[in-house]
Amino acid sequence: MSKINKVVLAYSGGLDTSAIIPWLKENYDCEVVAFVADVGQGEEELVGIEEKAIASGASACYIADLKEEMVKDYIYPSLKTGAIYEGKYLLGTSMARPIIAKAQVECALEIGADALCHGCTGKGNDQVRFEGAFAALAPQLTVIAPWREWNLRSREALLDYLAERNIPCTASLEKIYSRDANAWHVSTEGGVLENTWNAPNELCWVWTKDPQQAPDVAETVSVLVEKGEVVAVDGKPMTPYNALHYLNGKGIEHGIGRIDIVENRLVGIKSRGCYETPGGTIMMEALRAVEQLVLDKESFEFRQTIGLKASHLIYDGRWFTPLCQSLLAAANTLAQDVTGEVVIQLYKGQATVTQKRSLNSLYSEEFATFGEDDVYDHSHAGGFIRLYSLASRIRALNSQK
């Protein structure tokens, strides 16, 4: 082991990171500082976490409230791109990792640590996301990934490791599902989901009501969008986090935002997960509805291109790269006219836009009407079509010679 004096660990309070603290002290003979990121995973996850970290052997535990910053500076910019990974995934875990890693690096630099540590396994995407951010922000710091070094390979082994050292742990031997939550979403993997022929059971969904058990009466929400950002809901101005929190409550009640997906991990493994993004699904519908009104055909097509590329960069942990930042800047430019109001109906798992308007709208009832109008001469279309199809006409004439 290389000589490490002080390491900052991304700490969750779970079984893995509880075992990592004593393991680091024993194998690196270093001081361990626990870093906890509050990204909206829920108060129950944070209760007593500082005491738990100290009891595991950490010299200190820092808790950073990142909820508002995450939504404002990471989720909202991503929303403007329209990024959806592989057509369904709203990138809930992916968008939280850059801000956690950034705050962890800032903590390490502030307290004079010379190493960073995470509890990600060697099979997943998160190890790439964390270490990609570390490399971009503080390449001089050593990175330690215990799951790629130690010989502890099961929950039983981790529990025995802690018990041998008299370190208290509330985790049990049985952990059917692996979950990750933040203000944007909650994910569930493992258990019955490991067999793709198994339908998800009630334990696979954490937040949202079963759409079949959701209210029989639809509810509508009004979302005000300014320059591609949700600024008010139901007539009340809100901060980004508060808007998301409010819409989460609405979406949860009506079973909005559930997906069951088999995705391609960056490391080459396919994995299956049940993801719930209630408020985020409503926000995404609102932004796309305003875009339909204000973006011309070529602009909308380019925004779709940005969204596709951005989805892979965000998923792959490349937030802190020039290309990703360029795409975010381009999406922000297109979003300058994305201002308007949208009414969305929530009903049994569906978020359906029923009304939309914008002062920047390119939609004109006068032009679009099927009735008689004075602004469009149908005869003009003939010349346009002849020029538009000129290349095809020339090609066909050549083939007839």
Protein backbone atom coordinates (compact mmCIF):
# COMPACT_ATOMS: atom_id res chain seq x y z
CA MET A 1 0.00 0.00 0.00
CA SER A 2 1.24 3.47 -0.86
CA LYS A 3 1.67 5.85 2.05
CA ILE A 4 -1.54 7.76 2.76
CA ASN A 5 -1.92 10.19 5.64
CA LYS A 6 -5.53 11.30 5.41
CA VAL A 7 -8.34 10.03 3.19
CA VAL A 8 -11.84 11.40 2.61
CA LEU A 9 -14.41 8.65 2.13
CA ALA A 10 -17.76 9.13 0.37
CA TYR A 11 -19.80 7.73 3.24
CA SER A 12 -23.42 6.58 3.18
CA GLY A 13 -23.69 4.86 6.54
CA GLY A 14 -24.48 1.53 4.91
CA LEU A 15 -22.73 -1.78 5.41
CA ASP A 16 -20.05 -1.29 2.75
CA THR A 17 -18.81 2.13 3.82
CA SER A 18 -19.05 1.18 7.51
CA ALA A 19 -16.57 -1.63 6.82
CA ILE A 20 -14.39 0.55 4.62
CA ILE A 21 -13.49 2.90 7.47
CA PRO A 22 -11.69 0.31 9.66
CA TRP A 23 -10.31 -1.41 6.55
CA LEU A 24 -8.64 1.82 5.43
CA LYS A 25 -7.13 2.40 8.86
CA GLU A 26 -5.76 -1.13 9.02
CA ASN A 27 -4.43 -1.38 5.50
CA TYR A 28 -3.27 2.19 4.88
CA ASP A 29 -2.53 3.24 8.47
CA CYS A 30 -4.23 6.57 7.79
CA GLU A 31 -6.76 8.95 9.23
CA VAL A 32 -10.21 8.51 7.71
CA VAL A 33 -12.68 11.38 7.34
CA ALA A 34 -16.25 10.53 6.37
CA PHE A 35 -18.01 12.77 3.86
CA VAL A 36 -21.80 12.60 3.59
CA ALA A 37 -23.66 14.26 0.74
CA ASP A 38 -27.27 15.18 1.39
CA VAL A 39 -28.77 15.01 -2.10
CA GLY A 40 -32.32 14.46 -0.91
CA GLN A 41 -32.09 10.74 -0.17
CA GLY A 42 -34.35 11.22 2.84
CA GLU A 43 -33.94 12.29 6.46
CA GLU A 44 -34.15 8.70 7.70
CA GLU A 45 -30.92 7.97 5.84
CA LEU A 46 -29.11 10.79 7.65
CA VAL A 47 -30.33 10.28 11.23
CA GLY A 48 -27.37 9.40 13.44
CA ILE A 49 -25.01 9.09 10.51
CA GLU A 50 -22.28 11.22 12.08
CA GLU A 51 -22.29 9.13 15.26
CA LYS A 52 -22.22 5.96 13.16
CA ALA A 53 -19.18 7.16 11.20
CA ILE A 54 -17.28 8.04 14.37
CA ALA A 55 -18.19 4.68 15.92
CA SER A 56 -16.76 2.97 12.84
CA GLY A 57 -13.43 4.74 13.35
CA ALA A 58 -13.67 7.98 11.39
CA SER A 59 -11.89 10.95 12.92
CA ALA A 60 -14.62 13.31 11.69
CA CYS A 61 -17.79 13.34 9.60
CA TYR A 62 -18.80 16.23 7.36
CA ILE A 63 -22.36 16.49 6.03
CA ALA A 64 -22.97 18.76 3.04
CA ASP A 65 -26.47 19.89 2.07
CA LEU A 66 -26.33 19.72 -1.73
CA LYS A 67 -30.03 19.41 -2.56
CA GLU A 68 -30.69 22.87 -3.96
CA GLU A 69 -27.38 23.05 -5.81
CA MET A 70 -27.90 19.62 -7.35
CA VAL A 71 -31.28 20.51 -8.81
CA LYS A 72 -30.26 24.02 -9.91
CA ASP A 73 -26.81 23.34 -11.34
CA TYR A 74 -27.00 19.71 -12.47
CA ILE A 75 -30.59 18.56 -12.98
CA TYR A 76 -31.97 21.73 -14.59
CA PRO A 77 -29.09 22.01 -17.12
CA SER A 78 -29.54 18.31 -17.95
CA LEU A 79 -33.28 18.83 -18.42
CA LYS A 80 -32.62 21.55 -21.00
CA THR A 81 -30.71 19.05 -23.13
CA GLY A 82 -33.60 16.59 -23.00
CA ALA A 83 -31.16 13.86 -21.99
CA ILE A 84 -32.83 10.45 -21.63
CA TYR A 85 -30.53 7.43 -21.58
CA GLU A 86 -31.53 4.64 -23.97
CA GLY A 87 -34.94 6.18 -24.48
CA LYS A 88 -36.30 5.73 -20.94
CA TYR A 89 -33.87 6.46 -18.10
CA LEU A 90 -33.95 10.02 -16.72
CA LEU A 91 -30.42 9.65 -15.32
CA GLY A 92 -31.31 9.91 -11.64
CA THR A 93 -28.18 8.31 -10.19
CA SER A 94 -25.95 9.70 -12.93
CA MET A 95 -26.83 13.35 -12.29
CA ALA A 96 -26.13 13.10 -8.55
CA ARG A 97 -22.61 11.72 -8.87
CA PRO A 98 -20.82 14.80 -10.27
CA ILE A 99 -21.91 17.09 -7.44
CA ILE A 100 -21.12 14.47 -4.77
CA ALA A 101 -17.65 13.93 -6.22
CA LYS A 102 -17.05 17.67 -6.55
CA ALA A 103 -18.06 18.35 -2.93
CA GLN A 104 -15.94 15.42 -1.76
CA VAL A 105 -12.91 16.82 -3.57
CA GLU A 106 -13.52 20.28 -2.09
CA CYS A 107 -13.69 18.74 1.39
CA ALA A 108 -10.44 16.86 0.82
CA LEU A 109 -8.59 19.94 -0.40
CA GLU A 110 -9.91 22.05 2.48
CA ILE A 111 -8.75 19.65 5.21
CA GLY A 112 -5.47 18.74 3.55
CA ALA A 113 -6.24 15.13 2.67
CA ASP A 114 -4.05 13.34 0.17
CA ALA A 115 -6.51 10.64 -0.92
CA LEU A 116 -10.13 10.02 -1.86
CA CYS A 117 -12.11 6.83 -1.41
CA HIS A 118 -15.46 5.48 -2.61
CA GLY A 119 -17.44 2.30 -1.95
CA CYS A 120 -18.41 1.49 -5.54
CA THR A 121 -18.06 -2.05 -6.77
CA GLY A 122 -15.88 -3.04 -9.71
CA LYS A 123 -18.89 -4.01 -11.82
CA GLY A 124 -20.87 -0.78 -11.88
CA ASN A 125 -20.96 2.64 -13.48
CA ASP A 126 -20.45 4.67 -10.31
CA GLN A 127 -16.76 3.85 -9.96
CA VAL A 128 -16.21 5.45 -13.38
CA ARG A 129 -18.36 8.47 -12.52
CA PHE A 130 -16.57 9.17 -9.25
CA GLU A 131 -13.06 8.58 -10.53
CA GLY A 132 -13.71 10.48 -13.76
CA ALA A 133 -14.72 13.49 -11.69
CA PHE A 134 -11.74 13.05 -9.35
CA ALA A 135 -9.38 12.98 -12.34
CA ALA A 136 -10.88 16.17 -13.78
CA LEU A 137 -10.95 18.09 -10.49
CA ALA A 138 -8.00 16.88 -8.41
CA PRO A 139 -5.70 14.51 -10.31
CA GLN A 140 -3.02 14.92 -7.63
CA LEU A 141 -5.10 13.03 -5.06
CA THR A 142 -4.74 9.26 -4.74
CA VAL A 143 -7.94 7.27 -5.29
CA ILE A 144 -8.68 4.16 -3.24
CA ALA A 145 -11.39 1.71 -4.33
CA PRO A 146 -11.62 -1.05 -1.66
CA TRP A 147 -13.93 -3.27 -3.69
CA ARG A 148 -11.11 -3.66 -6.21
CA GLU A 149 -8.58 -4.49 -3.48
CA TRP A 150 -10.04 -6.36 -0.52
CA ASN A 151 -11.06 -10.00 -0.23
CA LEU A 152 -14.44 -9.29 1.38
CA ARG A 153 -16.94 -10.56 -1.18
CA SER A 154 -20.27 -10.97 0.63
CA ARG A 155 -22.56 -9.26 3.11
CA GLU A 156 -21.81 -12.05 5.58
CA ALA A 157 -18.08 -11.39 5.27
CA LEU A 158 -18.60 -7.67 5.82
CA LEU A 159 -20.81 -8.25 8.88
CA ASP A 160 -18.27 -10.69 10.34
CA TYR A 161 -15.49 -8.17 9.69
CA LEU A 162 -17.34 -5.50 11.69
CA ALA A 163 -18.37 -7.92 14.46
CA GLU A 164 -14.75 -9.04 14.96
CA ARG A 165 -13.84 -5.40 15.62
CA ASN A 166 -16.86 -4.70 17.84
CA ILE A 167 -18.08 -2.02 15.45
CA PRO A 168 -21.87 -1.56 15.70
CA CYS A 169 -23.88 -1.99 12.52
CA THR A 170 -27.63 -2.06 11.99
CA ALA A 171 -27.39 -3.90 8.66
CA SER A 172 -28.77 -7.43 8.48
CA LEU A 173 -27.56 -10.48 6.60
CA GLU A 174 -30.46 -10.39 4.16
CA LYS A 175 -30.53 -7.51 1.73
CA ILE A 176 -32.84 -8.41 -1.11
CA TYR A 177 -32.62 -5.20 -3.09
CA SER A 178 -29.98 -2.58 -3.81
CA ARG A 179 -31.39 0.95 -3.72
CA ASP A 180 -30.13 4.43 -4.47
CA ALA A 181 -32.19 7.55 -3.79
CA ASN A 182 -31.87 11.29 -4.20
CA ALA A 183 -34.26 14.18 -4.73
CA TRP A 184 -34.65 13.26 -8.40
CA HIS A 185 -35.33 9.52 -8.23
CA VAL A 186 -35.04 6.20 -6.44
CA SER A 187 -33.66 3.06 -8.09
CA THR A 188 -34.15 -0.58 -7.13
CA GLU A 189 -31.97 -3.44 -8.40
CA GLY A 190 -31.45 -7.08 -7.46
CA GLY A 191 -33.85 -9.61 -5.97
CA VAL A 192 -36.54 -10.82 -8.38
CA LEU A 193 -35.35 -8.28 -10.94
CA GLU A 194 -32.22 -10.29 -11.68
CA ASN A 195 -34.37 -12.65 -13.76
CA THR A 196 -35.84 -10.61 -16.62
CA TRP A 197 -38.82 -12.99 -16.88
CA ASN A 198 -39.91 -12.04 -13.36
CA ALA A 199 -42.41 -9.21 -13.15
CA PRO A 200 -41.61 -6.55 -10.53
CA ASN A 201 -43.39 -7.11 -7.22
CA GLU A 202 -44.62 -4.49 -4.77
CA LEU A 203 -41.20 -4.40 -3.05
CA CYS A 204 -39.58 -3.14 -6.27
CA TRP A 205 -41.37 0.21 -5.96
CA VAL A 206 -40.48 2.49 -3.07
CA TRP A 207 -42.05 5.91 -3.64
CA THR A 208 -44.91 5.79 -6.07
CA LYS A 209 -48.37 4.33 -5.66
CA ASP A 210 -49.31 1.44 -7.88
CA PRO A 211 -51.09 3.20 -10.78
CA GLN A 212 -53.96 0.73 -10.42
CA GLN A 213 -54.39 1.87 -6.81
CA ALA A 214 -53.94 5.58 -7.60
CA PRO A 215 -56.90 7.97 -7.29
CA ASP A 216 -59.76 7.41 -9.73
CA VAL A 217 -60.04 11.16 -10.24
CA ALA A 218 -57.41 12.96 -12.33
CA GLU A 219 -55.52 15.95 -10.94
CA THR A 220 -53.96 18.78 -12.92
CA VAL A 221 -50.85 20.82 -12.15
CA SER A 222 -49.82 24.08 -13.78
CA VAL A 223 -46.09 24.47 -14.47
CA LEU A 224 -44.50 27.81 -15.37
CA VAL A 225 -41.28 27.55 -17.36
CA GLU A 226 -38.80 30.38 -17.93
CA LYS A 227 -35.84 29.87 -20.24
CA GLY A 228 -36.04 26.12 -19.89
CA GLU A 229 -36.36 26.08 -16.10
CA VAL A 230 -39.39 25.40 -13.89
CA VAL A 231 -39.88 28.52 -11.78
CA ALA A 232 -43.42 28.14 -10.44
CA VAL A 233 -45.96 25.38 -9.88
CA ASP A 234 -49.69 25.90 -9.42
CA GLY A 235 -49.12 29.65 -9.40
CA LYS A 236 -46.51 29.62 -6.62
CA PRO A 237 -42.90 30.71 -7.33
CA MET A 238 -40.50 28.02 -6.14
CA THR A 239 -36.78 27.31 -6.00
CA PRO A 240 -35.61 24.42 -8.17
CA TYR A 241 -35.47 21.96 -5.29
CA ASN A 242 -38.81 23.06 -3.84
CA ALA A 243 -40.47 22.74 -7.25
CA LEU A 244 -39.11 19.22 -7.61
CA HIS A 245 -40.13 18.29 -4.07
CA TYR A 246 -43.66 19.60 -4.68
CA LEU A 247 -44.04 17.76 -7.98
CA ASN A 248 -42.63 14.59 -6.42
CA GLY A 249 -45.51 14.65 -3.97
CA LYS A 250 -48.05 15.02 -6.77
CA GLY A 251 -46.44 12.37 -8.93
CA ILE A 252 -46.07 9.85 -6.10
CA GLU A 253 -49.79 10.03 -5.34
CA HIS A 254 -50.71 9.25 -8.96
CA GLY A 255 -48.06 6.61 -9.69
CA ILE A 256 -46.15 8.81 -12.15
CA GLY A 257 -42.63 8.08 -13.40
CA ARG A 258 -42.19 4.31 -13.07
CA ILE A 259 -39.94 2.47 -15.52
CA ASP A 260 -38.58 -1.08 -15.62
CA ILE A 261 -35.51 -1.11 -17.85
CA VAL A 262 -32.60 -3.33 -18.89
CA GLU A 263 -29.78 -0.90 -19.60
CA ASN A 264 -26.28 -1.11 -20.98
CA ARG A 265 -23.74 -0.23 -18.31
CA LEU A 266 -20.58 1.53 -19.38
CA VAL A 267 -18.46 -1.45 -18.27
CA GLY A 268 -20.27 -3.72 -20.73
CA ILE A 269 -22.68 -5.50 -18.39
CA LYS A 270 -26.43 -5.27 -18.84
CA SER A 271 -28.40 -4.58 -15.68
CA ARG A 272 -32.07 -4.34 -14.84
CA GLY A 273 -33.60 -1.74 -12.57
CA CYS A 274 -36.91 -0.28 -11.52
CA TYR A 275 -36.62 3.51 -11.42
CA GLU A 276 -39.11 6.02 -10.05
CA THR A 277 -38.86 9.66 -11.13
CA PRO A 278 -42.25 11.20 -10.35
CA GLY A 279 -41.56 14.94 -10.23
CA GLY A 280 -38.86 14.69 -12.88
CA THR A 281 -41.24 13.05 -15.33
CA ILE A 282 -43.70 15.92 -14.88
CA MET A 283 -40.92 18.50 -15.35
CA MET A 284 -39.69 16.78 -18.49
CA GLU A 285 -43.19 16.76 -19.98
CA ALA A 286 -43.57 20.48 -19.23
CA LEU A 287 -40.31 21.49 -20.89
CA ARG A 288 -40.90 19.36 -23.97
CA ALA A 289 -44.39 20.84 -24.35
CA VAL A 290 -43.06 24.41 -24.40
CA GLU A 291 -40.32 23.37 -26.83
CA GLN A 292 -43.00 22.14 -29.22
CA LEU A 293 -44.36 25.66 -29.36
CA VAL A 294 -41.19 27.72 -29.63
CA LEU A 295 -38.48 25.71 -31.40
CA ASP A 296 -38.45 25.56 -35.18
CA LYS A 297 -37.88 22.23 -36.94
CA GLU A 298 -34.09 22.49 -37.27
CA SER A 299 -33.62 23.80 -33.72
CA PHE A 300 -35.74 21.01 -32.28
CA GLU A 301 -33.84 18.41 -34.29
CA PHE A 302 -30.53 19.80 -33.00
CA ARG A 303 -31.85 19.82 -29.43
CA GLN A 304 -32.67 16.12 -29.85
CA THR A 305 -29.12 15.50 -31.05
CA ILE A 306 -27.76 17.34 -28.01
CA GLY A 307 -30.00 15.27 -25.73
CA LEU A 308 -28.86 11.96 -27.16
CA LYS A 309 -25.17 12.81 -26.86
CA ALA A 310 -25.57 14.42 -23.43
CA SER A 311 -27.39 11.34 -22.11
CA HIS A 312 -24.34 9.18 -22.82
CA LEU A 313 -21.85 11.71 -21.46
CA ILE A 314 -23.81 12.13 -18.22
CA TYR A 315 -24.40 8.40 -17.86
CA ASP A 316 -20.73 7.65 -18.54
CA GLY A 317 -19.46 10.10 -15.91
CA ARG A 318 -18.12 12.76 -18.28
CA TRP A 319 -19.82 15.79 -16.76
CA PHE A 320 -16.55 17.65 -16.16
CA THR A 321 -15.38 17.50 -19.77
CA PRO A 322 -15.26 20.23 -22.43
CA LEU A 323 -17.66 18.33 -24.69
CA CYS A 324 -20.31 17.91 -21.99
CA GLN A 325 -20.05 21.55 -20.97
CA SER A 326 -20.30 22.60 -24.63
CA LEU A 327 -23.49 20.58 -25.06
CA LEU A 328 -24.96 22.07 -21.90
CA ALA A 329 -24.11 25.57 -23.20
CA ALA A 330 -25.72 24.85 -26.56
CA ALA A 331 -28.89 23.55 -24.88
CA ASN A 332 -28.97 26.62 -22.66
CA THR A 333 -28.83 28.86 -25.74
CA LEU A 334 -31.76 27.03 -27.34
CA ALA A 335 -33.67 27.28 -24.05
CA GLN A 336 -33.65 31.10 -24.02
CA ASP A 337 -37.02 31.14 -25.78
CA VAL A 338 -38.43 28.12 -23.92
CA THR A 339 -40.77 30.14 -21.75
CA GLY A 340 -44.42 29.33 -21.23
CA GLU A 341 -47.11 27.73 -19.12
CA VAL A 342 -48.20 24.10 -19.26
CA VAL A 343 -51.11 22.26 -17.64
CA ILE A 344 -50.50 18.56 -17.05
CA GLN A 345 -53.08 15.97 -16.11
CA LEU A 346 -51.97 13.28 -13.66
CA TYR A 347 -53.92 10.06 -13.79
CA LYS A 348 -53.00 6.47 -12.94
CA GLY A 349 -49.35 6.55 -13.95
CA GLN A 350 -49.69 8.98 -16.85
CA ALA A 351 -48.62 12.63 -17.03
CA THR A 352 -50.45 14.10 -20.02
CA VAL A 353 -50.08 17.66 -21.26
CA THR A 354 -53.54 19.10 -21.89
CA GLN A 355 -52.80 22.83 -22.28
CA LYS A 356 -49.76 24.87 -23.30
CA ARG A 357 -49.06 28.46 -24.23
CA SER A 358 -46.11 30.77 -24.77
CA LEU A 359 -45.55 34.35 -25.81
CA ASN A 360 -42.69 32.99 -27.94
CA SER A 361 -44.88 30.43 -29.67
CA LEU A 362 -44.31 29.88 -33.39
CA TYR A 363 -47.68 28.18 -33.64
CA SER A 364 -50.23 30.32 -35.47
CA GLU A 365 -53.88 29.35 -35.53
CA GLU A 366 -54.26 31.51 -38.65
CA PHE A 367 -51.68 29.43 -40.52
CA ALA A 368 -52.65 26.04 -39.08
CA THR A 369 -56.43 26.25 -39.57
CA PHE A 370 -58.21 23.89 -41.94
CA GLY A 371 -60.75 26.61 -42.58
CA GLU A 372 -60.49 29.45 -45.03
CA ASP A 373 -57.67 31.90 -44.34
CA ASP A 374 -55.95 34.87 -45.94
CA VAL A 375 -52.38 34.11 -44.95
CA TYR A 376 -51.57 30.96 -46.92
CA ASP A 377 -52.00 30.36 -50.64
CA HIS A 378 -52.16 26.62 -51.32
CA SER A 379 -50.86 27.13 -54.84
CA HIS A 380 -47.51 28.26 -53.46
CA ALA A 381 -46.83 24.76 -52.17
CA GLY A 382 -46.38 23.37 -55.65
CA GLY A 383 -43.26 25.39 -56.41
CA PHE A 384 -41.80 24.61 -53.01
CA ILE A 385 -42.30 20.87 -53.47
CA ARG A 386 -40.79 20.97 -56.98
CA LEU A 387 -37.61 22.62 -55.66
CA TYR A 388 -37.54 20.46 -52.53
CA SER A 389 -37.64 17.28 -54.59
CA LEU A 390 -35.41 18.54 -57.41
CA ALA A 391 -32.52 16.19 -56.66
CA SER A 392 -34.85 13.17 -56.69
CA ARG A 393 -36.37 14.35 -59.98
CA ILE A 394 -32.93 14.74 -61.64
CA ARG A 395 -31.84 11.30 -60.37
CA ALA A 396 -34.96 9.67 -61.77
CA LEU A 397 -34.61 11.42 -65.15
CA ASN A 398 -30.99 10.26 -65.39
CA SER A 399 -31.99 6.68 -64.70
CA GLN A 400 -34.58 6.82 -67.50
CA LYS A 401 -32.00 7.85 -70.13
